[in-house]
Protein backbone atom coordinates (compact mmCIF):
# COMPACT_ATOMS: atom_id res chain seq x y z
CA UNK A 1 0.00 0.00 0.00
CA UNK A 2 1.41 3.36 -1.04
CA UNK A 3 2.31 5.86 1.67
CA UNK A 4 0.34 9.08 1.31
CA UNK A 5 2.19 12.35 1.79
CA UNK A 6 0.61 15.63 2.77
CA UNK A 7 2.77 17.32 0.10
CA UNK A 8 4.73 15.70 -2.70
CA UNK A 9 7.55 16.41 -2.57
CA UNK A 10 7.56 17.11 1.14
CA UNK A 11 10.33 19.64 1.76
CA UNK A 12 12.07 19.36 5.13
CA UNK A 13 15.13 21.26 6.30
CA UNK A 14 17.17 20.13 9.30
CA UNK A 15 19.42 22.91 10.54
CA UNK A 16 21.87 23.56 13.34
CA UNK A 17 25.50 24.43 13.88
CA UNK A 18 28.61 22.33 13.45
CA UNK A 19 28.93 19.60 16.03
CA UNK A 20 25.23 19.19 16.82
CA UNK A 21 24.88 16.09 14.67
CA UNK A 22 22.13 17.19 12.32
CA UNK A 23 23.83 15.53 9.32
CA UNK A 24 23.61 12.18 11.12
CA UNK A 25 19.98 12.95 11.96
CA UNK A 26 19.15 13.70 8.33
CA UNK A 27 20.68 10.44 7.13
CA UNK A 28 18.94 8.38 9.76
CA UNK A 29 15.62 10.03 8.98
CA UNK A 30 16.20 9.48 5.28
CA UNK A 31 16.79 5.78 5.93
CA UNK A 32 13.57 5.49 7.97
CA UNK A 33 11.55 7.08 5.17
CA UNK A 34 13.25 5.09 2.42
CA UNK A 35 12.29 1.91 4.28
CA UNK A 36 8.67 3.04 3.81
CA UNK A 37 9.13 2.88 0.04
CA UNK A 38 9.58 6.63 -0.37
CA UNK A 39 12.18 8.46 -2.43
CA UNK A 40 14.39 10.72 -0.31
CA UNK A 41 16.85 13.18 -1.83
CA UNK A 42 19.27 14.82 0.61
CA UNK A 43 21.38 17.90 -0.03
CA UNK A 44 23.70 19.37 2.58
CA UNK A 45 25.41 22.73 3.03
CA UNK A 46 28.14 23.56 5.52
CA UNK A 47 29.19 27.01 6.66
CA UNK A 48 32.47 26.73 8.55
CA UNK A 49 30.96 23.72 10.31
CA UNK A 50 34.15 22.87 12.17
CA UNK A 51 33.99 26.26 13.89
CA UNK A 52 30.35 26.15 14.89
CA UNK A 53 29.05 27.51 11.59
CA UNK A 54 25.66 26.81 10.06
CA UNK A 55 24.89 23.30 8.85
CA UNK A 56 21.76 22.67 6.82
CA UNK A 57 20.34 19.46 5.33
CA UNK A 58 17.59 19.58 2.70
CA UNK A 59 15.37 16.48 2.53
CA UNK A 60 12.88 16.12 -0.31
CA UNK A 61 10.51 13.21 0.21
CA UNK A 62 8.36 11.85 -2.60
CA UNK A 63 6.27 8.86 -3.63
CA UNK A 64 7.16 9.21 -7.29
CA UNK A 65 10.90 9.75 -7.68
CA UNK A 66 13.91 11.85 -6.82
CA UNK A 67 13.98 15.65 -6.91
CA UNK A 68 16.80 18.15 -7.05
CA UNK A 69 18.59 18.20 -3.68
CA UNK A 70 18.08 21.92 -3.13
CA UNK A 71 14.68 23.07 -1.86
CA UNK A 72 13.57 26.22 -3.73
CA UNK A 73 13.41 29.40 -1.70
CA UNK A 74 10.08 29.84 0.05
CA UNK A 75 9.08 26.18 -0.35
CA UNK A 76 9.96 24.49 2.96
CA UNK A 77 7.07 22.67 4.61
CA UNK A 78 8.92 21.94 7.86
CA UNK A 79 12.09 23.21 9.52
CA UNK A 80 13.64 21.05 12.22
CA UNK A 81 16.10 23.33 14.02
CA UNK A 82 18.60 22.29 16.64
CA UNK A 83 19.42 25.95 17.33
CA UNK A 84 16.93 28.85 17.53
CA UNK A 85 18.73 31.49 15.43
CA UNK A 86 19.42 28.91 12.75
CA UNK A 87 15.66 28.35 12.55
CA UNK A 88 15.16 32.05 11.85
CA UNK A 89 17.89 32.13 9.21
CA UNK A 90 16.41 29.19 7.36
CA UNK A 91 12.82 30.40 7.58
CA UNK A 92 13.69 33.84 6.28
CA UNK A 93 14.92 32.25 3.05
CA UNK A 94 13.02 28.97 2.71
CA UNK A 95 9.88 29.53 4.76
CA UNK A 96 6.43 30.72 3.78
CA UNK A 97 3.24 31.50 5.74
CA UNK A 98 2.26 27.81 5.73
CA UNK A 99 5.63 26.53 6.96
CA UNK A 100 5.95 24.80 10.32
CA UNK A 101 8.97 24.52 12.60
CA UNK A 102 10.16 22.41 15.51
CA UNK A 103 12.88 24.30 17.36
CA UNK A 104 15.24 23.25 20.12
CA UNK A 105 15.17 26.04 22.70
CA UNK A 106 18.88 25.86 23.65
CA UNK A 107 20.96 28.57 21.93
CA UNK A 108 24.53 28.04 20.78
CA UNK A 109 26.21 31.39 21.18
CA UNK A 110 28.13 32.57 18.11
CA UNK A 111 31.68 33.73 18.65
CA UNK A 112 30.69 37.35 18.10
CA UNK A 113 28.26 37.14 21.03
CA UNK A 114 30.80 35.34 23.23
CA UNK A 115 33.39 38.04 22.46
CA UNK A 116 30.90 40.80 23.23
CA UNK A 117 30.70 42.12 19.66
CA UNK A 118 27.05 41.16 19.17
CA UNK A 119 24.02 40.28 21.26
CA UNK A 120 22.08 37.06 21.05
CA UNK A 121 18.36 37.96 21.10
CA UNK A 122 16.21 37.03 24.07
CA UNK A 123 14.19 33.83 23.89
CA UNK A 124 10.96 35.85 23.88
CA UNK A 125 12.07 37.79 20.81
CA UNK A 126 13.07 34.64 18.97
CA UNK A 127 9.71 33.02 19.78
CA UNK A 128 7.88 36.11 18.51
CA UNK A 129 9.79 36.12 15.22
CA UNK A 130 9.25 32.40 14.76
CA UNK A 131 5.54 32.90 15.27
CA UNK A 132 5.50 35.57 12.59
CA UNK A 133 7.37 33.39 10.09
CA UNK A 134 5.37 30.17 10.43
CA UNK A 135 1.87 28.79 10.58
CA UNK A 136 2.87 26.81 13.66
CA UNK A 137 6.04 26.46 15.71
CA UNK A 138 6.84 24.10 18.55
CA UNK A 139 9.73 25.21 20.79
CA UNK A 140 10.92 22.26 22.85
CA UNK A 141 13.66 21.63 25.47
CA UNK A 142 15.49 19.01 23.40
CA UNK A 143 19.00 19.65 24.73
CA UNK A 144 17.88 19.92 28.34
CA UNK A 145 16.01 16.62 28.06
CA UNK A 146 18.94 15.00 26.25
CA UNK A 147 21.30 15.96 29.06
CA UNK A 148 18.90 14.41 31.56
CA UNK A 149 19.13 11.22 29.49
CA UNK A 150 22.92 11.37 29.66
CA UNK A 151 24.19 12.70 26.31
CA UNK A 152 23.50 15.92 24.37
CA UNK A 153 23.40 13.98 21.07
CA UNK A 154 20.03 12.55 22.13
CA UNK A 155 18.61 15.96 21.22
CA UNK A 156 18.58 14.79 17.59
CA UNK A 157 16.48 11.77 18.48
CA UNK A 158 14.13 13.89 20.59
CA UNK A 159 13.64 16.17 17.59
CA UNK A 160 12.87 13.18 15.37
CA UNK A 161 10.31 11.94 17.85
CA UNK A 162 8.71 15.37 17.81
CA UNK A 163 8.65 15.37 14.00
CA UNK A 164 7.02 11.94 14.02
CA UNK A 165 4.28 13.20 16.34
CA UNK A 166 3.36 16.05 13.97
CA UNK A 167 2.22 13.36 11.56
CA UNK A 168 3.16 14.90 8.20
CA UNK A 169 5.65 12.11 7.45
CA UNK A 170 5.35 8.34 8.04
CA UNK A 171 7.90 8.10 10.86
CA UNK A 172 6.71 5.34 13.15
CA UNK A 173 8.35 4.26 16.38
CA UNK A 174 8.74 0.79 14.86
CA UNK A 175 10.43 2.18 11.75
CA UNK A 176 12.79 4.25 13.88
CA UNK A 177 13.56 1.23 16.06
CA UNK A 178 14.40 -0.88 13.00
CA UNK A 179 16.83 1.75 11.75
CA UNK A 180 18.40 2.05 15.20
CA UNK A 181 19.12 -1.66 15.28
CA UNK A 182 20.85 -1.45 11.90
CA UNK A 183 22.87 1.68 12.61
CA UNK A 184 23.64 1.50 16.34
CA UNK A 185 22.95 -2.07 17.42
CA UNK A 186 20.64 -3.35 20.17
CA UNK A 187 22.80 -2.15 23.07
CA UNK A 188 21.85 1.49 22.50
CA UNK A 189 18.18 0.91 21.80
CA UNK A 190 16.53 1.65 25.15
CA UNK A 191 17.91 5.16 25.72
CA UNK A 192 17.36 6.22 22.11
CA UNK A 193 13.77 4.97 22.11
CA UNK A 194 13.19 6.83 25.39
CA UNK A 195 14.48 10.00 23.71
CA UNK A 196 12.21 9.41 20.70
CA UNK A 197 9.19 8.91 22.98
CA UNK A 198 9.95 12.03 25.00
CA UNK A 199 10.19 14.11 21.83
CA UNK A 200 6.86 12.77 20.59
CA UNK A 201 5.24 13.56 23.95
CA UNK A 202 6.37 17.19 23.70
CA UNK A 203 4.24 17.63 20.57
CA UNK A 204 1.31 15.54 21.74
CA UNK A 205 0.97 17.36 25.08
C-alpha atoms as a PDB file:
ATOM      1  CA  UNK A   1       0.000   0.000   0.000  1.00  0.00           C
ATOM      2  CA  UNK A   2       1.410   3.364  -1.037  1.00  0.00           C
ATOM      3  CA  UNK A   3       2.307   5.856   1.667  1.00  0.00           C
ATOM      4  CA  UNK A   4       0.338   9.080   1.314  1.00  0.00           C
ATOM      5  CA  UNK A   5       2.194  12.345   1.793  1.00  0.00           C
ATOM      6  CA  UNK A   6       0.608  15.627   2.774  1.00  0.00           C
ATOM      7  CA  UNK A   7       2.772  17.316   0.104  1.00  0.00           C
ATOM      8  CA  UNK A   8       4.735  15.703  -2.701  1.00  0.00           C
ATOM      9  CA  UNK A   9       7.552  16.412  -2.571  1.00  0.00           C
ATOM     10  CA  UNK A  10       7.557  17.114   1.138  1.00  0.00           C
ATOM     11  CA  UNK A  11      10.328  19.645   1.762  1.00  0.00           C
ATOM     12  CA  UNK A  12      12.072  19.360   5.126  1.00  0.00           C
ATOM     13  CA  UNK A  13      15.134  21.264   6.304  1.00  0.00           C
ATOM     14  CA  UNK A  14      17.172  20.126   9.302  1.00  0.00           C
ATOM     15  CA  UNK A  15      19.415  22.905  10.542  1.00  0.00           C
ATOM     16  CA  UNK A  16      21.872  23.557  13.342  1.00  0.00           C
ATOM     17  CA  UNK A  17      25.505  24.431  13.884  1.00  0.00           C
ATOM     18  CA  UNK A  18      28.606  22.332  13.446  1.00  0.00           C
ATOM     19  CA  UNK A  19      28.927  19.600  16.034  1.00  0.00           C
ATOM     20  CA  UNK A  20      25.232  19.189  16.819  1.00  0.00           C
ATOM     21  CA  UNK A  21      24.883  16.086  14.673  1.00  0.00           C
ATOM     22  CA  UNK A  22      22.134  17.186  12.322  1.00  0.00           C
ATOM     23  CA  UNK A  23      23.829  15.527   9.318  1.00  0.00           C
ATOM     24  CA  UNK A  24      23.612  12.177  11.118  1.00  0.00           C
ATOM     25  CA  UNK A  25      19.983  12.945  11.957  1.00  0.00           C
ATOM     26  CA  UNK A  26      19.152  13.696   8.329  1.00  0.00           C
ATOM     27  CA  UNK A  27      20.685  10.445   7.128  1.00  0.00           C
ATOM     28  CA  UNK A  28      18.936   8.378   9.765  1.00  0.00           C
ATOM     29  CA  UNK A  29      15.620  10.033   8.980  1.00  0.00           C
ATOM     30  CA  UNK A  30      16.205   9.477   5.279  1.00  0.00           C
ATOM     31  CA  UNK A  31      16.792   5.783   5.931  1.00  0.00           C
ATOM     32  CA  UNK A  32      13.575   5.493   7.971  1.00  0.00           C
ATOM     33  CA  UNK A  33      11.551   7.084   5.169  1.00  0.00           C
ATOM     34  CA  UNK A  34      13.254   5.088   2.419  1.00  0.00           C
ATOM     35  CA  UNK A  35      12.290   1.910   4.279  1.00  0.00           C
ATOM     36  CA  UNK A  36       8.670   3.036   3.811  1.00  0.00           C
ATOM     37  CA  UNK A  37       9.127   2.876   0.041  1.00  0.00           C
ATOM     38  CA  UNK A  38       9.579   6.632  -0.371  1.00  0.00           C
ATOM     39  CA  UNK A  39      12.184   8.456  -2.433  1.00  0.00           C
ATOM     40  CA  UNK A  40      14.392  10.720  -0.313  1.00  0.00           C
ATOM     41  CA  UNK A  41      16.848  13.183  -1.833  1.00  0.00           C
ATOM     42  CA  UNK A  42      19.269  14.820   0.610  1.00  0.00           C
ATOM     43  CA  UNK A  43      21.379  17.905  -0.026  1.00  0.00           C
ATOM     44  CA  UNK A  44      23.702  19.371   2.580  1.00  0.00           C
ATOM     45  CA  UNK A  45      25.411  22.728   3.027  1.00  0.00           C
ATOM     46  CA  UNK A  46      28.138  23.555   5.515  1.00  0.00           C
ATOM     47  CA  UNK A  47      29.189  27.012   6.665  1.00  0.00           C
ATOM     48  CA  UNK A  48      32.472  26.732   8.547  1.00  0.00           C
ATOM     49  CA  UNK A  49      30.962  23.723  10.313  1.00  0.00           C
ATOM     50  CA  UNK A  50      34.154  22.871  12.169  1.00  0.00           C
ATOM     51  CA  UNK A  51      33.994  26.256  13.888  1.00  0.00           C
ATOM     52  CA  UNK A  52      30.346  26.151  14.889  1.00  0.00           C
ATOM     53  CA  UNK A  53      29.047  27.510  11.587  1.00  0.00           C
ATOM     54  CA  UNK A  54      25.659  26.810  10.061  1.00  0.00           C
ATOM     55  CA  UNK A  55      24.893  23.298   8.846  1.00  0.00           C
ATOM     56  CA  UNK A  56      21.758  22.666   6.817  1.00  0.00           C
ATOM     57  CA  UNK A  57      20.342  19.463   5.325  1.00  0.00           C
ATOM     58  CA  UNK A  58      17.595  19.578   2.699  1.00  0.00           C
ATOM     59  CA  UNK A  59      15.375  16.481   2.529  1.00  0.00           C
ATOM     60  CA  UNK A  60      12.881  16.125  -0.311  1.00  0.00           C
ATOM     61  CA  UNK A  61      10.506  13.212   0.212  1.00  0.00           C
ATOM     62  CA  UNK A  62       8.359  11.851  -2.604  1.00  0.00           C
ATOM     63  CA  UNK A  63       6.271   8.864  -3.632  1.00  0.00           C
ATOM     64  CA  UNK A  64       7.163   9.215  -7.294  1.00  0.00           C
ATOM     65  CA  UNK A  65      10.903   9.752  -7.683  1.00  0.00           C
ATOM     66  CA  UNK A  66      13.908  11.853  -6.821  1.00  0.00           C
ATOM     67  CA  UNK A  67      13.984  15.653  -6.909  1.00  0.00           C
ATOM     68  CA  UNK A  68      16.804  18.155  -7.052  1.00  0.00           C
ATOM     69  CA  UNK A  69      18.591  18.204  -3.678  1.00  0.00           C
ATOM     70  CA  UNK A  70      18.076  21.925  -3.126  1.00  0.00           C
ATOM     71  CA  UNK A  71      14.680  23.073  -1.864  1.00  0.00           C
ATOM     72  CA  UNK A  72      13.571  26.216  -3.726  1.00  0.00           C
ATOM     73  CA  UNK A  73      13.405  29.399  -1.696  1.00  0.00           C
ATOM     74  CA  UNK A  74      10.078  29.843   0.054  1.00  0.00           C
ATOM     75  CA  UNK A  75       9.080  26.180  -0.354  1.00  0.00           C
ATOM     76  CA  UNK A  76       9.960  24.490   2.960  1.00  0.00           C
ATOM     77  CA  UNK A  77       7.067  22.669   4.608  1.00  0.00           C
ATOM     78  CA  UNK A  78       8.921  21.942   7.855  1.00  0.00           C
ATOM     79  CA  UNK A  79      12.092  23.211   9.522  1.00  0.00           C
ATOM     80  CA  UNK A  80      13.642  21.051  12.217  1.00  0.00           C
ATOM     81  CA  UNK A  81      16.096  23.329  14.021  1.00  0.00           C
ATOM     82  CA  UNK A  82      18.604  22.287  16.643  1.00  0.00           C
ATOM     83  CA  UNK A  83      19.425  25.954  17.332  1.00  0.00           C
ATOM     84  CA  UNK A  84      16.929  28.855  17.533  1.00  0.00           C
ATOM     85  CA  UNK A  85      18.731  31.493  15.427  1.00  0.00           C
ATOM     86  CA  UNK A  86      19.424  28.908  12.747  1.00  0.00           C
ATOM     87  CA  UNK A  87      15.660  28.347  12.551  1.00  0.00           C
ATOM     88  CA  UNK A  88      15.158  32.046  11.855  1.00  0.00           C
ATOM     89  CA  UNK A  89      17.892  32.134   9.212  1.00  0.00           C
ATOM     90  CA  UNK A  90      16.409  29.192   7.355  1.00  0.00           C
ATOM     91  CA  UNK A  91      12.817  30.398   7.584  1.00  0.00           C
ATOM     92  CA  UNK A  92      13.694  33.841   6.278  1.00  0.00           C
ATOM     93  CA  UNK A  93      14.920  32.246   3.053  1.00  0.00           C
ATOM     94  CA  UNK A  94      13.024  28.974   2.705  1.00  0.00           C
ATOM     95  CA  UNK A  95       9.884  29.531   4.756  1.00  0.00           C
ATOM     96  CA  UNK A  96       6.429  30.719   3.783  1.00  0.00           C
ATOM     97  CA  UNK A  97       3.241  31.502   5.736  1.00  0.00           C
ATOM     98  CA  UNK A  98       2.260  27.815   5.727  1.00  0.00           C
ATOM     99  CA  UNK A  99       5.630  26.526   6.961  1.00  0.00           C
ATOM    100  CA  UNK A 100       5.948  24.801  10.323  1.00  0.00           C
ATOM    101  CA  UNK A 101       8.968  24.518  12.601  1.00  0.00           C
ATOM    102  CA  UNK A 102      10.157  22.412  15.507  1.00  0.00           C
ATOM    103  CA  UNK A 103      12.879  24.300  17.361  1.00  0.00           C
ATOM    104  CA  UNK A 104      15.245  23.246  20.121  1.00  0.00           C
ATOM    105  CA  UNK A 105      15.167  26.042  22.700  1.00  0.00           C
ATOM    106  CA  UNK A 106      18.885  25.861  23.654  1.00  0.00           C
ATOM    107  CA  UNK A 107      20.962  28.566  21.930  1.00  0.00           C
ATOM    108  CA  UNK A 108      24.527  28.040  20.780  1.00  0.00           C
ATOM    109  CA  UNK A 109      26.211  31.390  21.183  1.00  0.00           C
ATOM    110  CA  UNK A 110      28.129  32.568  18.106  1.00  0.00           C
ATOM    111  CA  UNK A 111      31.681  33.729  18.645  1.00  0.00           C
ATOM    112  CA  UNK A 112      30.689  37.355  18.098  1.00  0.00           C
ATOM    113  CA  UNK A 113      28.265  37.145  21.035  1.00  0.00           C
ATOM    114  CA  UNK A 114      30.798  35.339  23.235  1.00  0.00           C
ATOM    115  CA  UNK A 115      33.387  38.038  22.456  1.00  0.00           C
ATOM    116  CA  UNK A 116      30.903  40.797  23.233  1.00  0.00           C
ATOM    117  CA  UNK A 117      30.697  42.118  19.664  1.00  0.00           C
ATOM    118  CA  UNK A 118      27.046  41.162  19.170  1.00  0.00           C
ATOM    119  CA  UNK A 119      24.015  40.279  21.258  1.00  0.00           C
ATOM    120  CA  UNK A 120      22.076  37.057  21.051  1.00  0.00           C
ATOM    121  CA  UNK A 121      18.360  37.964  21.097  1.00  0.00           C
ATOM    122  CA  UNK A 122      16.211  37.034  24.069  1.00  0.00           C
ATOM    123  CA  UNK A 123      14.185  33.832  23.893  1.00  0.00           C
ATOM    124  CA  UNK A 124      10.956  35.846  23.879  1.00  0.00           C
ATOM    125  CA  UNK A 125      12.072  37.794  20.812  1.00  0.00           C
ATOM    126  CA  UNK A 126      13.072  34.636  18.969  1.00  0.00           C
ATOM    127  CA  UNK A 127       9.709  33.023  19.782  1.00  0.00           C
ATOM    128  CA  UNK A 128       7.881  36.114  18.513  1.00  0.00           C
ATOM    129  CA  UNK A 129       9.786  36.120  15.222  1.00  0.00           C
ATOM    130  CA  UNK A 130       9.253  32.397  14.760  1.00  0.00           C
ATOM    131  CA  UNK A 131       5.544  32.896  15.267  1.00  0.00           C
ATOM    132  CA  UNK A 132       5.500  35.569  12.590  1.00  0.00           C
ATOM    133  CA  UNK A 133       7.371  33.391  10.091  1.00  0.00           C
ATOM    134  CA  UNK A 134       5.367  30.169  10.428  1.00  0.00           C
ATOM    135  CA  UNK A 135       1.866  28.794  10.575  1.00  0.00           C
ATOM    136  CA  UNK A 136       2.872  26.807  13.664  1.00  0.00           C
ATOM    137  CA  UNK A 137       6.038  26.463  15.714  1.00  0.00           C
ATOM    138  CA  UNK A 138       6.842  24.102  18.550  1.00  0.00           C
ATOM    139  CA  UNK A 139       9.729  25.211  20.792  1.00  0.00           C
ATOM    140  CA  UNK A 140      10.917  22.259  22.850  1.00  0.00           C
ATOM    141  CA  UNK A 141      13.658  21.628  25.468  1.00  0.00           C
ATOM    142  CA  UNK A 142      15.495  19.015  23.400  1.00  0.00           C
ATOM    143  CA  UNK A 143      19.005  19.654  24.731  1.00  0.00           C
ATOM    144  CA  UNK A 144      17.879  19.918  28.341  1.00  0.00           C
ATOM    145  CA  UNK A 145      16.010  16.617  28.061  1.00  0.00           C
ATOM    146  CA  UNK A 146      18.944  14.998  26.250  1.00  0.00           C
ATOM    147  CA  UNK A 147      21.301  15.965  29.059  1.00  0.00           C
ATOM    148  CA  UNK A 148      18.904  14.410  31.559  1.00  0.00           C
ATOM    149  CA  UNK A 149      19.133  11.216  29.487  1.00  0.00           C
ATOM    150  CA  UNK A 150      22.925  11.371  29.657  1.00  0.00           C
ATOM    151  CA  UNK A 151      24.192  12.705  26.311  1.00  0.00           C
ATOM    152  CA  UNK A 152      23.503  15.925  24.368  1.00  0.00           C
ATOM    153  CA  UNK A 153      23.399  13.977  21.066  1.00  0.00           C
ATOM    154  CA  UNK A 154      20.029  12.547  22.125  1.00  0.00           C
ATOM    155  CA  UNK A 155      18.611  15.964  21.218  1.00  0.00           C
ATOM    156  CA  UNK A 156      18.581  14.791  17.588  1.00  0.00           C
ATOM    157  CA  UNK A 157      16.480  11.765  18.484  1.00  0.00           C
ATOM    158  CA  UNK A 158      14.133  13.894  20.593  1.00  0.00           C
ATOM    159  CA  UNK A 159      13.639  16.174  17.592  1.00  0.00           C
ATOM    160  CA  UNK A 160      12.871  13.177  15.366  1.00  0.00           C
ATOM    161  CA  UNK A 161      10.309  11.940  17.854  1.00  0.00           C
ATOM    162  CA  UNK A 162       8.706  15.370  17.813  1.00  0.00           C
ATOM    163  CA  UNK A 163       8.652  15.368  14.001  1.00  0.00           C
ATOM    164  CA  UNK A 164       7.018  11.936  14.022  1.00  0.00           C
ATOM    165  CA  UNK A 165       4.283  13.201  16.340  1.00  0.00           C
ATOM    166  CA  UNK A 166       3.358  16.051  13.972  1.00  0.00           C
ATOM    167  CA  UNK A 167       2.218  13.355  11.557  1.00  0.00           C
ATOM    168  CA  UNK A 168       3.156  14.896   8.204  1.00  0.00           C
ATOM    169  CA  UNK A 169       5.650  12.110   7.447  1.00  0.00           C
ATOM    170  CA  UNK A 170       5.354   8.336   8.040  1.00  0.00           C
ATOM    171  CA  UNK A 171       7.901   8.097  10.864  1.00  0.00           C
ATOM    172  CA  UNK A 172       6.707   5.337  13.155  1.00  0.00           C
ATOM    173  CA  UNK A 173       8.350   4.256  16.376  1.00  0.00           C
ATOM    174  CA  UNK A 174       8.737   0.790  14.858  1.00  0.00           C
ATOM    175  CA  UNK A 175      10.432   2.183  11.754  1.00  0.00           C
ATOM    176  CA  UNK A 176      12.795   4.252  13.877  1.00  0.00           C
ATOM    177  CA  UNK A 177      13.561   1.225  16.060  1.00  0.00           C
ATOM    178  CA  UNK A 178      14.398  -0.882  13.003  1.00  0.00           C
ATOM    179  CA  UNK A 179      16.833   1.755  11.747  1.00  0.00           C
ATOM    180  CA  UNK A 180      18.395   2.054  15.199  1.00  0.00           C
ATOM    181  CA  UNK A 181      19.118  -1.656  15.283  1.00  0.00           C
ATOM    182  CA  UNK A 182      20.853  -1.446  11.897  1.00  0.00           C
ATOM    183  CA  UNK A 183      22.873   1.678  12.607  1.00  0.00           C
ATOM    184  CA  UNK A 184      23.640   1.500  16.344  1.00  0.00           C
ATOM    185  CA  UNK A 185      22.951  -2.066  17.423  1.00  0.00           C
ATOM    186  CA  UNK A 186      20.639  -3.348  20.172  1.00  0.00           C
ATOM    187  CA  UNK A 187      22.800  -2.151  23.072  1.00  0.00           C
ATOM    188  CA  UNK A 188      21.850   1.486  22.502  1.00  0.00           C
ATOM    189  CA  UNK A 189      18.175   0.908  21.805  1.00  0.00           C
ATOM    190  CA  UNK A 190      16.531   1.648  25.146  1.00  0.00           C
ATOM    191  CA  UNK A 191      17.912   5.161  25.724  1.00  0.00           C
ATOM    192  CA  UNK A 192      17.356   6.220  22.111  1.00  0.00           C
ATOM    193  CA  UNK A 193      13.770   4.969  22.113  1.00  0.00           C
ATOM    194  CA  UNK A 194      13.195   6.825  25.389  1.00  0.00           C
ATOM    195  CA  UNK A 195      14.484   9.996  23.713  1.00  0.00           C
ATOM    196  CA  UNK A 196      12.208   9.408  20.699  1.00  0.00           C
ATOM    197  CA  UNK A 197       9.191   8.907  22.977  1.00  0.00           C
ATOM    198  CA  UNK A 198       9.945  12.031  25.004  1.00  0.00           C
ATOM    199  CA  UNK A 199      10.187  14.111  21.827  1.00  0.00           C
ATOM    200  CA  UNK A 200       6.858  12.773  20.593  1.00  0.00           C
ATOM    201  CA  UNK A 201       5.241  13.557  23.945  1.00  0.00           C
ATOM    202  CA  UNK A 202       6.368  17.190  23.700  1.00  0.00           C
ATOM    203  CA  UNK A 203       4.238  17.633  20.571  1.00  0.00           C
ATOM    204  CA  UNK A 204       1.310  15.542  21.738  1.00  0.00           C
ATOM    205  CA  UNK A 205       0.975  17.356  25.075  1.00  0.00           C
END
